[in-house]
Protein backbone atom coordinates (compact mmCIF):
# COMPACT_ATOMS: atom_id res chain seq x y z
CA MET A 1 72.47 104.03 89.93
CA LYS A 2 71.96 107.82 89.43
CA TYR A 3 70.62 109.91 92.25
CA ALA A 4 68.79 113.38 92.54
CA ILE A 5 70.58 115.03 95.56
CA PHE A 6 69.00 117.90 97.52
CA VAL A 7 71.33 120.06 99.55
CA ASP A 8 70.37 122.59 102.14
CA VAL A 9 72.91 125.69 102.70
CA ASP A 10 72.99 127.06 106.12
CA GLY A 11 74.22 124.36 108.56
CA THR A 12 74.75 121.85 105.61
CA LEU A 13 76.71 123.53 102.93
CA LEU A 14 77.77 126.57 105.04
CA ASP A 15 79.48 126.41 108.46
CA ASN A 16 78.82 128.91 111.24
CA LYS A 17 81.22 131.42 109.70
CA GLN A 18 79.36 131.28 106.49
CA GLN A 19 82.30 129.33 104.79
CA ILE A 20 81.86 126.29 102.55
CA PRO A 21 84.21 123.53 103.51
CA GLU A 22 86.52 122.49 100.67
CA SER A 23 85.44 118.91 101.14
CA ALA A 24 81.72 119.92 100.26
CA VAL A 25 82.73 121.61 97.20
CA TYR A 26 84.99 118.49 96.00
CA ALA A 27 81.95 116.34 96.99
CA ILE A 28 79.30 118.33 94.76
CA GLN A 29 81.42 118.87 91.84
CA ASN A 30 82.54 115.25 91.67
CA ALA A 31 78.93 113.83 92.10
CA ARG A 32 77.89 115.79 89.33
CA LYS A 33 80.77 114.57 87.11
CA LYS A 34 79.53 111.02 88.00
CA GLY A 35 76.34 111.88 86.45
CA HIS A 36 74.23 112.65 89.50
CA TYR A 37 72.11 115.65 89.94
CA VAL A 38 72.57 117.95 92.75
CA PHE A 39 70.18 120.79 93.66
CA LEU A 40 70.24 123.54 96.13
CA ASN A 41 67.23 123.33 98.34
CA THR A 42 67.30 126.40 100.82
CA GLY A 43 65.16 128.68 102.72
CA ARG A 44 67.18 131.45 101.65
CA CYS A 45 65.81 133.82 99.02
CA LYS A 46 67.60 134.09 95.75
CA ALA A 47 69.03 137.26 96.63
CA GLU A 48 70.96 135.64 99.43
CA LEU A 49 72.62 133.06 97.07
CA PHE A 50 75.87 134.87 96.83
CA GLU A 51 78.28 133.80 94.03
CA SER A 52 80.52 131.92 96.51
CA ILE A 53 77.55 129.55 96.92
CA LEU A 54 76.44 129.40 93.25
CA ASP A 55 80.00 129.09 91.95
CA VAL A 56 80.14 125.62 93.61
CA GLY A 57 77.83 124.45 90.58
CA PHE A 58 74.27 123.13 90.78
CA ASP A 59 71.94 121.59 88.41
CA GLY A 60 69.00 123.84 89.82
CA ILE A 61 67.97 125.83 92.78
CA ILE A 62 64.98 125.79 95.15
CA CYS A 63 64.73 128.99 97.47
CA SER A 64 62.56 130.41 99.94
CA SER A 65 61.61 126.88 101.53
CA GLY A 66 60.04 125.90 98.17
CA GLY A 67 58.59 129.23 97.09
CA TYR A 68 60.78 129.59 94.18
CA ILE A 69 62.32 127.10 91.67
CA GLU A 70 64.80 127.52 88.93
CA TYR A 71 66.18 125.32 86.31
CA GLU A 72 68.85 126.37 83.60
CA GLY A 73 68.02 129.98 84.31
CA GLN A 74 64.29 129.53 83.99
CA CYS A 75 61.88 130.25 86.63
CA ILE A 76 59.68 127.28 87.28
CA ARG A 77 57.77 128.60 89.99
CA HIS A 78 57.61 131.95 92.20
CA LEU A 79 55.18 132.07 95.00
CA THR A 80 54.85 135.14 96.85
CA PHE A 81 52.94 136.53 99.92
CA ASP A 82 49.57 138.33 99.56
CA GLU A 83 50.38 141.91 99.82
CA ASN A 84 47.66 142.56 102.29
CA ASP A 85 49.09 139.81 104.38
CA ILE A 86 52.59 141.51 104.50
CA GLN A 87 51.13 145.03 105.45
CA ALA A 88 49.30 143.14 108.34
CA LEU A 89 52.54 141.37 109.46
CA ILE A 90 54.73 144.50 109.26
CA GLN A 91 51.89 146.21 111.55
CA TYR A 92 52.13 143.24 113.97
CA PHE A 93 55.97 143.34 114.06
CA GLU A 94 55.94 147.18 114.66
CA LYS A 95 53.32 146.96 117.20
CA ASN A 96 55.05 144.36 119.15
CA LYS A 97 58.67 145.83 118.59
CA ILE A 98 59.83 142.71 116.76
CA GLY A 99 62.55 143.20 114.15
CA TYR A 100 61.66 141.87 110.81
CA TYR A 101 63.52 141.06 107.30
CA LEU A 102 61.53 140.74 104.18
CA GLU A 103 63.36 138.30 101.89
CA CYS A 104 62.67 138.96 98.08
CA ASN A 105 64.45 137.74 94.95
CA HIS A 106 65.17 141.43 93.83
CA GLY A 107 66.48 142.38 97.44
CA MET A 108 66.72 142.05 101.17
CA TYR A 109 64.50 144.46 103.08
CA VAL A 110 64.97 145.06 106.88
CA ASP A 111 63.83 147.32 109.48
CA THR A 112 66.50 149.07 111.77
CA LEU A 113 65.93 146.63 114.57
CA TYR A 114 66.90 143.60 112.46
CA HIS A 115 69.66 145.32 110.56
CA ASP A 116 71.55 146.59 113.71
CA TRP A 117 71.03 143.24 115.27
CA MET A 118 72.52 141.41 112.15
CA GLN A 119 75.46 143.69 112.33
CA GLU A 120 76.36 142.77 115.90
CA VAL A 121 75.88 138.98 115.05
CA PHE A 122 78.18 139.20 112.12
CA LYS A 123 80.87 141.13 114.22
CA ASP A 124 80.80 138.25 116.75
CA PHE A 125 80.80 135.33 114.44
CA MET A 126 82.47 136.56 111.17
CA PRO A 127 83.69 140.20 111.63
CA GLU A 128 85.60 140.03 108.11
CA GLY A 129 82.06 139.56 106.38
CA ALA A 130 79.78 141.66 108.41
CA GLU A 131 79.90 144.93 106.23
CA GLU A 132 79.67 143.04 102.96
CA TYR A 133 76.45 141.24 104.14
CA THR A 134 74.47 143.75 106.16
CA SER A 135 75.53 146.55 103.40
CA SER A 136 73.42 144.51 100.88
CA MET A 137 70.30 144.95 102.97
CA ILE A 138 67.96 147.60 102.26
CA VAL A 139 66.71 149.54 105.52
CA VAL A 140 62.93 150.18 105.47
CA ASP A 141 60.72 152.06 107.90
CA GLY A 142 57.33 150.11 107.30
CA SER A 143 55.87 152.74 105.11
CA GLN A 144 57.13 151.56 102.06
CA GLN A 145 55.17 149.02 99.79
CA ILE A 146 57.60 145.97 99.38
CA TYR A 147 56.51 143.53 96.44
CA GLU A 148 56.99 139.93 95.79
CA VAL A 149 58.18 138.97 99.36
CA ASN A 150 58.97 135.09 99.33
CA LYS A 151 59.73 134.62 102.87
CA ILE A 152 60.12 136.68 106.34
CA SER A 153 62.56 136.24 109.25
CA PHE A 154 61.92 137.83 112.53
CA LEU A 155 63.72 138.28 115.95
CA CYS A 156 62.43 136.63 118.92
CA THR A 157 63.54 135.43 122.25
CA LEU A 158 62.96 132.02 123.82
CA ASN A 159 60.10 133.46 125.66
CA ASN A 160 58.18 135.14 122.98
CA PHE A 161 58.55 132.75 120.11
CA ASP A 162 55.69 130.63 121.48
CA GLN A 163 53.45 133.68 121.43
CA ILE A 164 54.35 134.68 118.01
CA TYR A 165 53.86 131.06 116.77
CA LYS A 166 50.36 131.16 118.56
CA ASP A 167 49.20 134.44 116.96
CA LEU A 168 50.45 133.60 113.39
CA HIS A 169 50.56 129.66 112.67
CA GLU A 170 46.91 129.43 111.68
CA HIS A 171 47.81 131.43 108.32
CA PHE A 172 51.59 130.93 107.87
CA ASN A 173 54.46 128.35 108.39
CA ILE A 174 56.20 129.49 111.54
CA ILE A 175 59.56 127.96 112.48
CA LYS A 176 62.93 128.92 114.30
CA ASN A 177 65.46 130.18 111.81
CA THR A 178 67.77 127.66 110.09
CA ILE A 179 71.08 129.42 110.58
CA PRO A 180 72.84 127.67 113.51
CA MET A 181 74.44 130.98 114.80
CA ILE A 182 71.04 132.83 115.14
CA ARG A 183 68.66 129.71 115.45
CA GLU A 184 67.56 130.61 119.23
CA VAL A 185 66.90 134.27 118.63
CA SER A 186 65.08 134.43 115.31
CA GLY A 187 62.33 132.65 113.49
CA GLU A 188 61.02 132.52 109.91
CA ILE A 189 57.64 132.66 108.20
CA SER A 190 56.92 130.99 104.92
CA ILE A 191 53.75 130.69 102.83
CA LYS A 192 51.28 127.97 104.36
CA GLY A 193 51.38 124.60 102.74
CA ILE A 194 54.40 125.22 100.86
CA HIS A 195 57.64 123.49 101.54
CA LYS A 196 60.86 121.93 100.15
CA ALA A 197 59.26 118.61 99.36
CA ASP A 198 56.60 119.69 97.17
CA ALA A 199 59.07 122.00 95.32
CA ALA A 200 61.45 118.98 94.79
CA ASP A 201 58.81 117.08 93.13
CA ILE A 202 57.84 119.91 90.82
CA LEU A 203 61.35 120.47 89.76
CA LEU A 204 61.93 116.70 89.26
CA LYS A 205 58.88 116.55 87.09
CA HIS A 206 59.84 119.41 85.06
CA ILE A 207 63.10 117.83 83.99
CA GLY A 208 61.55 114.40 83.62
CA LEU A 209 63.35 112.67 86.63
CA GLU A 210 60.29 111.64 88.54
CA ASP A 211 61.42 108.13 88.71
CA VAL A 212 65.16 108.74 89.82
CA SER A 213 66.29 107.80 93.35
CA THR A 214 66.37 110.80 95.80
CA ILE A 215 68.55 112.00 98.62
CA ALA A 216 68.38 114.94 100.69
CA ILE A 217 70.74 116.39 103.30
CA GLY A 218 69.82 119.03 105.83
CA ASP A 219 69.98 120.34 109.40
CA SER A 220 66.79 122.45 110.16
CA ASP A 221 63.03 122.13 110.92
CA ASN A 222 62.17 123.62 107.35
CA ASP A 223 64.00 120.46 105.96
CA ILE A 224 61.77 118.11 107.62
CA GLU A 225 59.25 117.44 104.95
CA LEU A 226 61.83 116.92 102.27
CA LEU A 227 63.81 114.50 104.51
CA GLN A 228 60.82 112.35 105.11
CA HIS A 229 59.80 112.31 101.47
CA VAL A 230 62.93 111.24 99.73
CA ASP A 231 64.37 107.80 99.36
CA ILE A 232 67.27 108.55 101.90
CA GLY A 233 67.07 111.55 104.34
CA ILE A 234 70.43 112.43 105.85
CA GLY A 235 70.67 114.76 108.84
CA MET A 236 73.54 116.85 109.63
CA GLY A 237 75.09 116.18 113.12
CA ASN A 238 74.70 119.86 113.99
CA GLY A 239 71.10 119.70 113.03
CA THR A 240 68.04 120.45 115.42
CA GLU A 241 66.79 117.41 117.27
CA LYS A 242 63.49 117.62 115.61
CA CYS A 243 65.08 117.41 112.17
CA LYS A 244 67.47 114.61 113.13
CA ALA A 245 64.40 112.56 114.49
CA VAL A 246 62.84 112.06 111.08
CA CYS A 247 66.13 111.15 109.01
CA ASP A 248 67.09 107.83 108.00
CA GLU A 249 70.67 108.52 109.18
CA ILE A 250 72.87 111.19 110.69
CA THR A 251 76.20 112.21 109.21
CA ASP A 252 78.85 114.33 110.85
CA ASP A 253 78.80 118.29 111.82
CA VAL A 254 79.21 120.73 108.86
CA GLU A 255 82.55 121.69 110.39
CA HIS A 256 83.82 117.95 110.29
CA ASP A 257 82.86 117.26 106.60
CA GLY A 258 79.48 115.91 107.19
CA LEU A 259 78.24 116.43 103.50
CA TYR A 260 81.51 114.84 102.04
CA LYS A 261 81.30 111.81 104.33
CA SER A 262 77.69 111.16 103.54
CA PHE A 263 78.35 111.37 99.74
CA VAL A 264 81.12 108.81 100.17
CA LYS A 265 79.00 106.57 102.13
CA HIS A 266 76.42 106.23 99.58
CA ASN A 267 79.17 105.95 96.65
CA LEU A 268 78.13 109.14 95.02
CA ILE A 269 81.74 109.92 94.89
CA GLU A 270 85.09 108.29 95.56
CA SER A 271 87.15 109.34 98.79
CA ARG A 272 89.93 111.54 98.36
């Protein structure tokens, strides 16, 4: 039996130091050699899919929590925020002194608050990569018109996330950020009604794989719809409790070869 396998990035493929375990590379590459399809399905925008990620090798990519789909270099779907909504959100963030990050396929745009905060975060968790990551961000002051925004991240605290959610959730999807090392102090906004599950269906239909058996593996709240939708939903041991609660099974943490172990368990690859 051949499977279509959907793999999340942060907290699933990448560990807390933004490294890909060698076992995960082995699992993905050998699953594809055996004829399975392996797709990236991430909340990241395309600009954040660095060469170190794409070089693993995938059959297609879904980015921005379902807003962007690509297969064999061809864009299948690209949904973006209404420009008036972007300006309203920027005004809301600036009024409430909330750092923000506008995620586009063509670049990563941050205000000073978010940029400075990210520099400190990366110095603590992965000092060797701090400059490389933050230097790729473009600092803005809110006066520029940023086009084709796929998703937005913002700074929050345990105290004010609930207020932000209350203010914005009627018009947007609002969840805590997916990256484990910043999960408690940041959130993300995506287009209302768009998620990873419907994007997976669109991609499979485009390829002609509507009837193939499906597996998804993830760790975050933005994986929930997909994990519930596929035939086998696998949660990472380091995932959020809300995410793990909807899964068919739980594998090990990303640092303990969780992705590899799940691939072996389901006979997608042979163990090393």
